[in-house]
C-alpha cells in the first residue's frame, strides 16, 4: 500500500485503467453479449498503452531523481522508484489476464 500512496496522479490513472476491462470482462461472463465482447479489444489496447506509458513515466521520474542526487548509487529511494514504475505494468497486465479469463467463461456459457 505504501507504493500506491507515493504514486502520482498519472501513475494512479494508468494503474487503475486495468480495472475497466476487468469490469467489462466480469459483466460479459455474467451477461454475454456481442456488444460487450466488442468492447474488450479497444479497452485491452487502452490498458496496454496505459501500462506502458505509466511504466515509462515512472522510469523517467526515477532517472530524474537519480540525476538530482549525487553521487549516483543504487539506494533505497532508487529501488522504490523502480518498484513503483513496475507496479503499473504488473497490475494492469494482471487485470487484463483476469479479464480475458472472464471473457473465456462468457464464451463458454454462450456456446451451444
PDB file of N, CA and C in Angstrom:
ATOM      1  N   UNK A   1       0.818  -1.202   0.000  1.00  0.00           N
ATOM      2  CA  UNK A   1       0.000   0.000   0.000  1.00  0.00           C
ATOM      3  C   UNK A   1       0.860   1.263   0.000  1.00  0.00           C
ATOM      4  N   UNK A   2       2.086   1.152   0.504  1.00  0.00           N
ATOM      5  CA  UNK A   2       2.964   2.313   0.527  1.00  0.00           C
ATOM      6  C   UNK A   2       3.320   2.765  -0.885  1.00  0.00           C
ATOM      7  N   UNK A   3       3.418   1.805  -1.815  1.00  0.00           N
ATOM      8  CA  UNK A   3       3.719   2.171  -3.201  1.00  0.00           C
ATOM      9  C   UNK A   3       2.614   3.020  -3.799  1.00  0.00           C
ATOM     10  N   UNK A   4       1.370   2.683  -3.498  1.00  0.00           N
ATOM     11  CA  UNK A   4       0.247   3.439  -4.042  1.00  0.00           C
ATOM     12  C   UNK A   4       0.191   4.831  -3.429  1.00  0.00           C
ATOM     13  N   UNK A   5       0.522   4.957  -2.158  1.00  0.00           N
ATOM     14  CA  UNK A   5       0.450   6.274  -1.515  1.00  0.00           C
ATOM     15  C   UNK A   5       1.498   7.235  -2.064  1.00  0.00           C
ATOM     16  N   UNK A   6       2.597   6.726  -2.602  1.00  0.00           N
ATOM     17  CA  UNK A   6       3.636   7.580  -3.175  1.00  0.00           C
ATOM     18  C   UNK A   6       3.424   7.861  -4.652  1.00  0.00           C
ATOM     19  N   UNK A   7       2.486   7.180  -5.293  1.00  0.00           N
ATOM     20  CA  UNK A   7       2.282   7.329  -6.729  1.00  0.00           C
ATOM     21  C   UNK A   7       1.589   8.654  -7.049  1.00  0.00           C
ATOM     22  N   UNK A   8       1.933   9.214  -8.204  1.00  0.00           N
ATOM     23  CA  UNK A   8       1.319  10.457  -8.651  1.00  0.00           C
ATOM     24  C   UNK A   8      -0.016  10.210  -9.337  1.00  0.00           C
ATOM     25  N   UNK A   9      -0.634  11.291  -9.786  1.00  0.00           N
ATOM     26  CA  UNK A   9      -1.952  11.205 -10.423  1.00  0.00           C
ATOM     27  C   UNK A   9      -1.887  10.398 -11.713  1.00  0.00           C
ATOM     28  N   UNK A  10      -0.874  10.646 -12.542  1.00  0.00           N
ATOM     29  CA  UNK A  10      -0.755   9.907 -13.804  1.00  0.00           C
ATOM     30  C   UNK A  10      -0.533   8.421 -13.546  1.00  0.00           C
ATOM     31  N   UNK A  11       0.285   8.109 -12.562  1.00  0.00           N
ATOM     32  CA  UNK A  11       0.534   6.700 -12.238  1.00  0.00           C
ATOM     33  C   UNK A  11      -0.739   6.018 -11.747  1.00  0.00           C
ATOM     34  N   UNK A  12      -1.501   6.711 -10.924  1.00  0.00           N
ATOM     35  CA  UNK A  12      -2.761   6.124 -10.437  1.00  0.00           C
ATOM     36  C   UNK A  12      -3.768   5.938 -11.560  1.00  0.00           C
ATOM     37  N   UNK A  13      -3.849   6.920 -12.464  1.00  0.00           N
ATOM     38  CA  UNK A  13      -4.781   6.803 -13.591  1.00  0.00           C
ATOM     39  C   UNK A  13      -4.393   5.628 -14.483  1.00  0.00           C
ATOM     40  N   UNK A  14      -3.114   5.498 -14.788  1.00  0.00           N
ATOM     41  CA  UNK A  14      -2.683   4.385 -15.636  1.00  0.00           C
ATOM     42  C   UNK A  14      -2.776   3.062 -14.884  1.00  0.00           C
ATOM     43  N   UNK A  15      -2.616   3.112 -13.581  1.00  0.00           N
ATOM     44  CA  UNK A  15      -2.721   1.898 -12.773  1.00  0.00           C
ATOM     45  C   UNK A  15      -4.148   1.355 -12.778  1.00  0.00           C
ATOM     46  N   UNK A  16      -5.098   2.220 -12.529  1.00  0.00           N
ATOM     47  CA  UNK A  16      -6.479   1.761 -12.412  1.00  0.00           C
ATOM     48  C   UNK A  16      -7.210   1.645 -13.738  1.00  0.00           C
ATOM     49  N   UNK A  17      -6.530   1.918 -14.846  1.00  0.00           N
ATOM     50  CA  UNK A  17      -7.116   1.671 -16.156  1.00  0.00           C
ATOM     51  C   UNK A  17      -7.372   0.172 -16.340  1.00  0.00           C
ATOM     52  N   UNK A  18      -6.597  -0.656 -15.670  1.00  0.00           N
ATOM     53  CA  UNK A  18      -6.780  -2.100 -15.768  1.00  0.00           C
ATOM     54  C   UNK A  18      -8.088  -2.594 -15.184  1.00  0.00           C
ATOM     55  N   UNK A  19      -8.696  -1.814 -14.316  1.00  0.00           N
ATOM     56  CA  UNK A  19      -9.961  -2.212 -13.698  1.00  0.00           C
ATOM     57  C   UNK A  19     -11.104  -2.156 -14.714  1.00  0.00           C
ATOM     58  N   UNK A  20     -11.003  -1.273 -15.704  1.00  0.00           N
ATOM     59  CA  UNK A  20     -12.086  -1.099 -16.673  1.00  0.00           C
ATOM     60  C   UNK A  20     -12.319  -2.373 -17.495  1.00  0.00           C
ATOM     61  N   UNK A  21     -11.306  -2.958 -18.166  1.00  0.00           N
ATOM     62  CA  UNK A  21     -11.588  -4.202 -18.890  1.00  0.00           C
ATOM     63  C   UNK A  21     -11.938  -5.361 -17.956  1.00  0.00           C
ATOM     64  N   UNK A  22     -11.436  -5.316 -16.724  1.00  0.00           N
ATOM     65  CA  UNK A  22     -11.805  -6.354 -15.759  1.00  0.00           C
ATOM     66  C   UNK A  22     -13.294  -6.295 -15.456  1.00  0.00           C
ATOM     67  N   UNK A  23     -13.824  -5.094 -15.294  1.00  0.00           N
ATOM     68  CA  UNK A  23     -15.266  -4.941 -15.036  1.00  0.00           C
ATOM     69  C   UNK A  23     -16.088  -5.368 -16.248  1.00  0.00           C
ATOM     70  N   UNK A  24     -15.635  -5.002 -17.436  1.00  0.00           N
ATOM     71  CA  UNK A  24     -16.360  -5.402 -18.653  1.00  0.00           C
ATOM     72  C   UNK A  24     -16.285  -6.913 -18.836  1.00  0.00           C
ATOM     73  N   UNK A  25     -15.125  -7.514 -18.530  1.00  0.00           N
ATOM     74  CA  UNK A  25     -14.998  -8.974 -18.614  1.00  0.00           C
ATOM     75  C   UNK A  25     -15.914  -9.681 -17.637  1.00  0.00           C
ATOM     76  N   UNK A  26     -16.033  -9.142 -16.420  1.00  0.00           N
ATOM     77  CA  UNK A  26     -16.940  -9.738 -15.436  1.00  0.00           C
ATOM     78  C   UNK A  26     -18.389  -9.602 -15.884  1.00  0.00           C
ATOM     79  N   UNK A  27     -18.718  -8.438 -16.439  1.00  0.00           N
ATOM     80  CA  UNK A  27     -20.074  -8.238 -16.955  1.00  0.00           C
ATOM     81  C   UNK A  27     -20.369  -9.197 -18.096  1.00  0.00           C
ATOM     82  N   UNK A  28     -19.376  -9.402 -18.970  1.00  0.00           N
ATOM     83  CA  UNK A  28     -19.562 -10.333 -20.089  1.00  0.00           C
ATOM     84  C   UNK A  28     -19.716 -11.770 -19.597  1.00  0.00           C
ATOM     85  N   UNK A  29     -18.996 -12.147 -18.553  1.00  0.00           N
ATOM     86  CA  UNK A  29     -19.114 -13.505 -18.028  1.00  0.00           C
ATOM     87  C   UNK A  29     -20.512 -13.756 -17.472  1.00  0.00           C
ATOM     88  N   UNK A  30     -21.126 -12.706 -16.890  1.00  0.00           N
ATOM     89  CA  UNK A  30     -22.462 -12.853 -16.314  1.00  0.00           C
ATOM     90  C   UNK A  30     -23.540 -12.732 -17.381  1.00  0.00           C
ATOM     91  N   UNK A  31     -23.438 -11.683 -18.214  1.00  0.00           N
ATOM     92  CA  UNK A  31     -24.419 -11.413 -19.273  1.00  0.00           C
ATOM     93  C   UNK A  31     -23.715 -11.301 -20.615  1.00  0.00           C
ATOM     94  N   UNK A  32     -23.397 -12.434 -21.256  1.00  0.00           N
ATOM     95  CA  UNK A  32     -22.662 -12.365 -22.524  1.00  0.00           C
ATOM     96  C   UNK A  32     -23.478 -11.700 -23.635  1.00  0.00           C
ATOM     97  N   UNK A  33     -22.839 -10.759 -24.327  1.00  0.00           N
ATOM     98  CA  UNK A  33     -23.449 -10.138 -25.500  1.00  0.00           C
ATOM     99  C   UNK A  33     -22.335  -9.709 -26.447  1.00  0.00           C
ATOM    100  N   UNK A  34     -22.698  -9.566 -27.726  1.00  0.00           N
ATOM    101  CA  UNK A  34     -21.706  -9.170 -28.724  1.00  0.00           C
ATOM    102  C   UNK A  34     -21.151  -7.770 -28.454  1.00  0.00           C
ATOM    103  N   UNK A  35     -21.984  -6.876 -27.966  1.00  0.00           N
ATOM    104  CA  UNK A  35     -21.538  -5.501 -27.708  1.00  0.00           C
ATOM    105  C   UNK A  35     -20.453  -5.468 -26.621  1.00  0.00           C
ATOM    106  N   UNK A  36     -20.641  -6.255 -25.571  1.00  0.00           N
ATOM    107  CA  UNK A  36     -19.631  -6.285 -24.503  1.00  0.00           C
ATOM    108  C   UNK A  36     -18.335  -6.926 -24.993  1.00  0.00           C
ATOM    109  N   UNK A  37     -18.465  -7.954 -25.825  1.00  0.00           N
ATOM    110  CA  UNK A  37     -17.279  -8.607 -26.360  1.00  0.00           C
ATOM    111  C   UNK A  37     -16.507  -7.668 -27.282  1.00  0.00           C
ATOM    112  N   UNK A  38     -17.228  -6.868 -28.056  1.00  0.00           N
ATOM    113  CA  UNK A  38     -16.570  -5.911 -28.957  1.00  0.00           C
ATOM    114  C   UNK A  38     -15.826  -4.824 -28.181  1.00  0.00           C
ATOM    115  N   UNK A  39     -16.257  -4.518 -26.976  1.00  0.00           N
ATOM    116  CA  UNK A  39     -15.579  -3.513 -26.154  1.00  0.00           C
ATOM    117  C   UNK A  39     -14.232  -3.992 -25.624  1.00  0.00           C
ATOM    118  N   UNK A  40     -14.061  -5.282 -25.510  1.00  0.00           N
ATOM    119  CA  UNK A  40     -12.854  -5.809 -24.874  1.00  0.00           C
ATOM    120  C   UNK A  40     -11.577  -5.484 -25.647  1.00  0.00           C
ATOM    121  N   UNK A  41     -11.613  -5.508 -26.963  1.00  0.00           N
ATOM    122  CA  UNK A  41     -10.391  -5.234 -27.725  1.00  0.00           C
ATOM    123  C   UNK A  41      -9.900  -3.807 -27.534  1.00  0.00           C
ATOM    124  N   UNK A  42     -10.731  -2.780 -27.759  1.00  0.00           N
ATOM    125  CA  UNK A  42     -10.203  -1.423 -27.548  1.00  0.00           C
ATOM    126  C   UNK A  42      -9.858  -1.126 -26.089  1.00  0.00           C
ATOM    127  N   UNK A  43     -10.616  -1.692 -25.151  1.00  0.00           N
ATOM    128  CA  UNK A  43     -10.278  -1.476 -23.743  1.00  0.00           C
ATOM    129  C   UNK A  43      -8.967  -2.175 -23.370  1.00  0.00           C
ATOM    130  N   UNK A  44      -8.719  -3.336 -23.951  1.00  0.00           N
ATOM    131  CA  UNK A  44      -7.460  -4.030 -23.711  1.00  0.00           C
ATOM    132  C   UNK A  44      -6.281  -3.241 -24.267  1.00  0.00           C
ATOM    133  N   UNK A  45      -6.457  -2.700 -25.467  1.00  0.00           N
ATOM    134  CA  UNK A  45      -5.393  -1.882 -26.049  1.00  0.00           C
ATOM    135  C   UNK A  45      -5.137  -0.633 -25.216  1.00  0.00           C
ATOM    136  N   UNK A  46      -6.203   0.003 -24.761  1.00  0.00           N
ATOM    137  CA  UNK A  46      -6.046   1.198 -23.926  1.00  0.00           C
ATOM    138  C   UNK A  46      -5.314   0.858 -22.626  1.00  0.00           C
ATOM    139  N   UNK A  47      -5.610  -0.301 -22.057  1.00  0.00           N
ATOM    140  CA  UNK A  47      -4.946  -0.715 -20.828  1.00  0.00           C
ATOM    141  C   UNK A  47      -3.471  -1.014 -21.072  1.00  0.00           C
ATOM    142  N   UNK A  48      -3.167  -1.652 -22.191  1.00  0.00           N
ATOM    143  CA  UNK A  48      -1.765  -1.927 -22.523  1.00  0.00           C
ATOM    144  C   UNK A  48      -0.999  -0.621 -22.690  1.00  0.00           C
ATOM    145  N   UNK A  49      -1.580   0.330 -23.414  1.00  0.00           N
ATOM    146  CA  UNK A  49      -0.910   1.615 -23.612  1.00  0.00           C
ATOM    147  C   UNK A  49      -0.767   2.379 -22.302  1.00  0.00           C
ATOM    148  N   UNK A  50      -1.775   2.306 -21.443  1.00  0.00           N
ATOM    149  CA  UNK A  50      -1.694   2.973 -20.143  1.00  0.00           C
ATOM    150  C   UNK A  50      -0.613   2.334 -19.277  1.00  0.00           C
ATOM    151  N   UNK A  51      -0.504   1.012 -19.326  1.00  0.00           N
ATOM    152  CA  UNK A  51       0.515   0.323 -18.531  1.00  0.00           C
ATOM    153  C   UNK A  51       1.921   0.685 -19.001  1.00  0.00           C
ATOM    154  N   UNK A  52       2.119   0.692 -20.306  1.00  0.00           N
ATOM    155  CA  UNK A  52       3.442   1.010 -20.843  1.00  0.00           C
ATOM    156  C   UNK A  52       3.802   2.470 -20.572  1.00  0.00           C
ATOM    157  N   UNK A  53       2.847   3.377 -20.789  1.00  0.00           N
ATOM    158  CA  UNK A  53       3.150   4.795 -20.552  1.00  0.00           C
ATOM    159  C   UNK A  53       3.328   5.082 -19.059  1.00  0.00           C
ATOM    160  N   UNK A  54       2.557   4.446 -18.201  1.00  0.00           N
ATOM    161  CA  UNK A  54       2.726   4.618 -16.763  1.00  0.00           C
ATOM    162  C   UNK A  54       4.070   4.112 -16.285  1.00  0.00           C
ATOM    163  N   UNK A  55       4.515   2.988 -16.850  1.00  0.00           N
ATOM    164  CA  UNK A  55       5.825   2.457 -16.509  1.00  0.00           C
ATOM    165  C   UNK A  55       6.930   3.375 -17.007  1.00  0.00           C
ATOM    166  N   UNK A  56       6.775   3.892 -18.226  1.00  0.00           N
ATOM    167  CA  UNK A  56       7.780   4.812 -18.776  1.00  0.00           C
ATOM    168  C   UNK A  56       7.882   6.087 -17.942  1.00  0.00           C
ATOM    169  N   UNK A  57       6.755   6.641 -17.533  1.00  0.00           N
ATOM    170  CA  UNK A  57       6.781   7.844 -16.693  1.00  0.00           C
ATOM    171  C   UNK A  57       7.445   7.551 -15.349  1.00  0.00           C
ATOM    172  N   UNK A  58       7.180   6.380 -14.803  1.00  0.00           N
ATOM    173  CA  UNK A  58       7.836   6.001 -13.555  1.00  0.00           C
ATOM    174  C   UNK A  58       9.343   5.904 -13.703  1.00  0.00           C
ATOM    175  N   UNK A  59       9.799   5.302 -14.812  1.00  0.00           N
ATOM    176  CA  UNK A  59      11.234   5.225 -15.066  1.00  0.00           C
ATOM    177  C   UNK A  59      11.830   6.618 -15.253  1.00  0.00           C
ATOM    178  N   UNK A  60      11.110   7.479 -15.980  1.00  0.00           N
ATOM    179  CA  UNK A  60      11.602   8.846 -16.184  1.00  0.00           C
ATOM    180  C   UNK A  60      11.743   9.592 -14.865  1.00  0.00           C
ATOM    181  N   UNK A  61      10.753   9.470 -14.004  1.00  0.00           N
ATOM    182  CA  UNK A  61      10.830  10.135 -12.700  1.00  0.00           C
ATOM    183  C   UNK A  61      11.952   9.565 -11.837  1.00  0.00           C
ATOM    184  N   UNK A  62      12.158   8.264 -11.923  1.00  0.00           N
ATOM    185  CA  UNK A  62      13.245   7.645 -11.162  1.00  0.00           C
ATOM    186  C   UNK A  62      14.600   8.121 -11.665  1.00  0.00           C
ATOM    187  N   UNK A  63      14.763   8.189 -12.983  1.00  0.00           N
ATOM    188  CA  UNK A  63      16.022   8.684 -13.532  1.00  0.00           C
ATOM    189  C   UNK A  63      16.234  10.155 -13.201  1.00  0.00           C
ATOM    190  N   UNK A  64      15.173  10.921 -13.161  1.00  0.00           N
ATOM    191  CA  UNK A  64      15.279  12.333 -12.771  1.00  0.00           C
ATOM    192  C   UNK A  64      15.748  12.440 -11.324  1.00  0.00           C
ATOM    193  N   UNK A  65      15.214  11.589 -10.463  1.00  0.00           N
ATOM    194  CA  UNK A  65      15.639  11.567  -9.066  1.00  0.00           C
ATOM    195  C   UNK A  65      17.127  11.230  -8.952  1.00  0.00           C
ATOM    196  N   UNK A  66      17.553  10.229  -9.721  1.00  0.00           N
ATOM    197  CA  UNK A  66      18.957   9.816  -9.687  1.00  0.00           C
ATOM    198  C   UNK A  66      19.852  10.964 -10.156  1.00  0.00           C
ATOM    199  N   UNK A  67      19.437  11.666 -11.208  1.00  0.00           N
ATOM    200  CA  UNK A  67      20.248  12.756 -11.744  1.00  0.00           C
ATOM    201  C   UNK A  67      20.368  13.917 -10.758  1.00  0.00           C
ATOM    202  N   UNK A  68      19.358  14.141  -9.945  1.00  0.00           N
ATOM    203  CA  UNK A  68      19.389  15.252  -9.000  1.00  0.00           C
ATOM    204  C   UNK A  68      20.161  14.931  -7.731  1.00  0.00           C
ATOM    205  N   UNK A  69      20.377  13.672  -7.440  1.00  0.00           N
ATOM    206  CA  UNK A  69      21.060  13.269  -6.207  1.00  0.00           C
ATOM    207  C   UNK A  69      22.421  12.667  -6.540  1.00  0.00           C
ATOM    208  N   UNK A  70      23.455  13.408  -6.237  1.00  0.00           N
ATOM    209  CA  UNK A  70      24.815  12.962  -6.498  1.00  0.00           C
ATOM    210  C   UNK A  70      25.435  12.460  -5.203  1.00  0.00           C
ATOM    211  N   UNK A  71      26.255  11.499  -5.139  1.00  0.00           N
ATOM    212  CA  UNK A  71      26.712  10.650  -6.232  1.00  0.00           C
ATOM    213  C   UNK A  71      25.648   9.620  -6.601  1.00  0.00           C
ATOM    214  N   UNK A  72      25.707   9.151  -7.825  1.00  0.00           N
ATOM    215  CA  UNK A  72      24.725   8.184  -8.322  1.00  0.00           C
ATOM    216  C   UNK A  72      25.026   6.826  -7.700  1.00  0.00           C
ATOM    217  N   UNK A  73      24.025   6.261  -7.059  1.00  0.00           N
ATOM    218  CA  UNK A  73      24.184   4.957  -6.419  1.00  0.00           C
ATOM    219  C   UNK A  73      22.836   4.246  -6.402  1.00  0.00           C
ATOM    220  N   UNK A  74      22.901   2.934  -6.370  1.00  0.00           N
ATOM    221  CA  UNK A  74      21.686   2.137  -6.246  1.00  0.00           C
ATOM    222  C   UNK A  74      21.330   2.086  -4.772  1.00  0.00           C
ATOM    223  N   UNK A  75      20.369   2.942  -4.374  1.00  0.00           N
ATOM    224  CA  UNK A  75      19.988   3.025  -2.963  1.00  0.00           C
ATOM    225  C   UNK A  75      18.491   2.760  -2.808  1.00  0.00           C
ATOM    226  N   UNK A  76      18.016   2.912  -1.585  1.00  0.00           N
ATOM    227  CA  UNK A  76      16.612   2.621  -1.289  1.00  0.00           C
ATOM    228  C   UNK A  76      15.609   3.419  -2.110  1.00  0.00           C
ATOM    229  N   UNK A  77      15.728   4.753  -2.163  1.00  0.00           N
ATOM    230  CA  UNK A  77      14.772   5.521  -2.959  1.00  0.00           C
ATOM    231  C   UNK A  77      14.785   5.154  -4.441  1.00  0.00           C
ATOM    232  N   UNK A  78      15.954   4.812  -4.966  1.00  0.00           N
ATOM    233  CA  UNK A  78      16.044   4.386  -6.367  1.00  0.00           C
ATOM    234  C   UNK A  78      15.288   3.075  -6.566  1.00  0.00           C
ATOM    235  N   UNK A  79      15.461   2.134  -5.653  1.00  0.00           N
ATOM    236  CA  UNK A  79      14.764   0.849  -5.743  1.00  0.00           C
ATOM    237  C   UNK A  79      13.261   1.032  -5.606  1.00  0.00           C
ATOM    238  N   UNK A  80      12.840   1.935  -4.720  1.00  0.00           N
ATOM    239  CA  UNK A  80      11.406   2.202  -4.563  1.00  0.00           C
ATOM    240  C   UNK A  80      10.830   2.802  -5.841  1.00  0.00           C
ATOM    241  N   UNK A  81      11.579   3.707  -6.482  1.00  0.00           N
ATOM    242  CA  UNK A  81      11.126   4.288  -7.747  1.00  0.00           C
ATOM    243  C   UNK A  81      10.956   3.243  -8.830  1.00  0.00           C
ATOM    244  N   UNK A  82      11.898   2.324  -8.918  1.00  0.00           N
ATOM    245  CA  UNK A  82      11.767   1.246  -9.899  1.00  0.00           C
ATOM    246  C   UNK A  82      10.579   0.340  -9.580  1.00  0.00           C
ATOM    247  N   UNK A  83      10.369   0.053  -8.313  1.00  0.00           N
ATOM    248  CA  UNK A  83       9.240  -0.798  -7.912  1.00  0.00           C
ATOM    249  C   UNK A  83       7.914  -0.124  -8.249  1.00  0.00           C
ATOM    250  N   UNK A  84       7.822   1.178  -7.988  1.00  0.00           N
ATOM    251  CA  UNK A  84       6.598   1.909  -8.337  1.00  0.00           C
ATOM    252  C   UNK A  84       6.372   1.909  -9.839  1.00  0.00           C
ATOM    253  N   UNK A  85       7.441   2.014 -10.597  1.00  0.00           N
ATOM    254  CA  UNK A  85       7.320   2.011 -12.053  1.00  0.00           C
ATOM    255  C   UNK A  85       6.772   0.685 -12.559  1.00  0.00           C
ATOM    256  N   UNK A  86       7.268  -0.395 -12.016  1.00  0.00           N
ATOM    257  CA  UNK A  86       6.853  -1.722 -12.479  1.00  0.00           C
ATOM    258  C   UNK A  86       5.499  -2.144 -11.931  1.00  0.00           C
ATOM    259  N   UNK A  87       5.049  -1.505 -10.861  1.00  0.00           N
ATOM    260  CA  UNK A  87       3.757  -1.844 -10.270  1.00  0.00           C
ATOM    261  C   UNK A  87       2.620  -1.619 -11.274  1.00  0.00           C
ATOM    262  N   UNK A  88       2.689  -0.541 -12.029  1.00  0.00           N
ATOM    263  CA  UNK A  88       1.653  -0.248 -13.022  1.00  0.00           C
ATOM    264  C   UNK A  88       1.569  -1.357 -14.056  1.00  0.00           C
ATOM    265  N   UNK A  89       2.720  -1.780 -14.553  1.00  0.00           N
ATOM    266  CA  UNK A  89       2.754  -2.841 -15.552  1.00  0.00           C
ATOM    267  C   UNK A  89       2.198  -4.146 -14.986  1.00  0.00           C
ATOM    268  N   UNK A  90       2.621  -4.502 -13.793  1.00  0.00           N
ATOM    269  CA  UNK A  90       2.178  -5.739 -13.148  1.00  0.00           C
ATOM    270  C   UNK A  90       0.670  -5.728 -12.911  1.00  0.00           C
ATOM    271  N   UNK A  91       0.160  -4.653 -12.346  1.00  0.00           N
ATOM    272  CA  UNK A  91      -1.263  -4.584 -12.002  1.00  0.00           C
ATOM    273  C   UNK A  91      -2.139  -4.608 -13.258  1.00  0.00           C
ATOM    274  N   UNK A  92      -1.788  -3.786 -14.257  1.00  0.00           N
ATOM    275  CA  UNK A  92      -2.618  -3.712 -15.464  1.00  0.00           C
ATOM    276  C   UNK A  92      -2.626  -5.026 -16.234  1.00  0.00           C
ATOM    277  N   UNK A  93      -1.465  -5.659 -16.371  1.00  0.00           N
ATOM    278  CA  UNK A  93      -1.443  -6.923 -17.096  1.00  0.00           C
ATOM    279  C   UNK A  93      -2.103  -8.044 -16.300  1.00  0.00           C
ATOM    280  N   UNK A  94      -2.045  -7.979 -14.992  1.00  0.00           N
ATOM    281  CA  UNK A  94      -2.783  -8.940 -14.170  1.00  0.00           C
ATOM    282  C   UNK A  94      -4.287  -8.784 -14.345  1.00  0.00           C
ATOM    283  N   UNK A  95      -4.747  -7.532 -14.382  1.00  0.00           N
ATOM    284  CA  UNK A  95      -6.176  -7.274 -14.617  1.00  0.00           C
ATOM    285  C   UNK A  95      -6.593  -7.740 -16.006  1.00  0.00           C
ATOM    286  N   UNK A  96      -5.729  -7.522 -17.001  1.00  0.00           N
ATOM    287  CA  UNK A  96      -6.054  -7.985 -18.360  1.00  0.00           C
ATOM    288  C   UNK A  96      -6.143  -9.506 -18.422  1.00  0.00           C
ATOM    289  N   UNK A  97      -5.239 -10.188 -17.753  1.00  0.00           N
ATOM    290  CA  UNK A  97      -5.289 -11.657 -17.744  1.00  0.00           C
ATOM    291  C   UNK A  97      -6.589 -12.147 -17.118  1.00  0.00           C
ATOM    292  N   UNK A  98      -6.957 -11.558 -15.991  1.00  0.00           N
ATOM    293  CA  UNK A  98      -8.210 -11.949 -15.337  1.00  0.00           C
ATOM    294  C   UNK A  98      -9.415 -11.594 -16.204  1.00  0.00           C
ATOM    295  N   UNK A  99      -9.376 -10.441 -16.856  1.00  0.00           N
ATOM    296  CA  UNK A  99     -10.498 -10.020 -17.712  1.00  0.00           C
ATOM    297  C   UNK A  99     -10.704 -10.999 -18.861  1.00  0.00           C
ATOM    298  N   UNK A 100      -9.612 -11.409 -19.502  1.00  0.00           N
ATOM    299  CA  UNK A 100      -9.756 -12.327 -20.620  1.00  0.00           C
ATOM    300  C   UNK A 100     -10.136 -13.735 -20.160  1.00  0.00           C
ATOM    301  N   UNK A 101      -9.784 -14.111 -18.959  1.00  0.00           N
ATOM    302  CA  UNK A 101     -10.287 -15.387 -18.422  1.00  0.00           C
ATOM    303  C   UNK A 101     -11.798 -15.315 -18.201  1.00  0.00           C
ATOM    304  N   UNK A 102     -12.272 -14.152 -17.746  1.00  0.00           N
ATOM    305  CA  UNK A 102     -13.718 -13.965 -17.594  1.00  0.00           C
ATOM    306  C   UNK A 102     -14.417 -13.969 -18.946  1.00  0.00           C
ATOM    307  N   UNK A 103     -13.786 -13.414 -19.962  1.00  0.00           N
ATOM    308  CA  UNK A 103     -14.346 -13.464 -21.313  1.00  0.00           C
ATOM    309  C   UNK A 103     -14.437 -14.917 -21.779  1.00  0.00           C
ATOM    310  N   UNK A 104     -13.411 -15.712 -21.467  1.00  0.00           N
ATOM    311  CA  UNK A 104     -13.453 -17.133 -21.834  1.00  0.00           C
ATOM    312  C   UNK A 104     -14.621 -17.848 -21.155  1.00  0.00           C
ATOM    313  N   UNK A 105     -14.902 -17.487 -19.912  1.00  0.00           N
ATOM    314  CA  UNK A 105     -16.056 -18.058 -19.219  1.00  0.00           C
ATOM    315  C   UNK A 105     -17.346 -17.647 -19.927  1.00  0.00           C
ATOM    316  N   UNK A 106     -17.439 -16.383 -20.307  1.00  0.00           N
ATOM    317  CA  UNK A 106     -18.632 -15.921 -21.034  1.00  0.00           C
ATOM    318  C   UNK A 106     -18.794 -16.617 -22.371  1.00  0.00           C
ATOM    319  N   UNK A 107     -17.693 -16.826 -23.088  1.00  0.00           N
ATOM    320  CA  UNK A 107     -17.769 -17.542 -24.359  1.00  0.00           C
ATOM    321  C   UNK A 107     -18.185 -18.981 -24.150  1.00  0.00           C
ATOM    322  N   UNK A 108     -17.704 -19.593 -23.083  1.00  0.00           N
ATOM    323  CA  UNK A 108     -18.090 -20.961 -22.769  1.00  0.00           C
ATOM    324  C   UNK A 108     -19.583 -21.037 -22.459  1.00  0.00           C
ATOM    325  N   UNK A 109     -20.101 -20.026 -21.749  1.00  0.00           N
ATOM    326  CA  UNK A 109     -21.531 -20.024 -21.416  1.00  0.00           C
ATOM    327  C   UNK A 109     -22.396 -19.809 -22.652  1.00  0.00           C
ATOM    328  N   UNK A 110     -21.895 -19.065 -23.645  1.00  0.00           N
ATOM    329  CA  UNK A 110     -22.670 -18.778 -24.858  1.00  0.00           C
ATOM    330  C   UNK A 110     -22.704 -19.950 -25.806  1.00  0.00           C
ATOM    331  N   UNK A 111     -21.693 -20.838 -25.741  1.00  0.00           N
ATOM    332  CA  UNK A 111     -21.617 -21.922 -26.717  1.00  0.00           C
ATOM    333  C   UNK A 111     -22.761 -22.900 -26.507  1.00  0.00           C
ATOM    334  N   UNK A 112     -23.279 -23.440 -27.607  1.00  0.00           N
ATOM    335  CA  UNK A 112     -24.427 -24.351 -27.501  1.00  0.00           C
ATOM    336  C   UNK A 112     -24.074 -25.704 -26.950  1.00  0.00           C
TER     337      UNK A 112
END
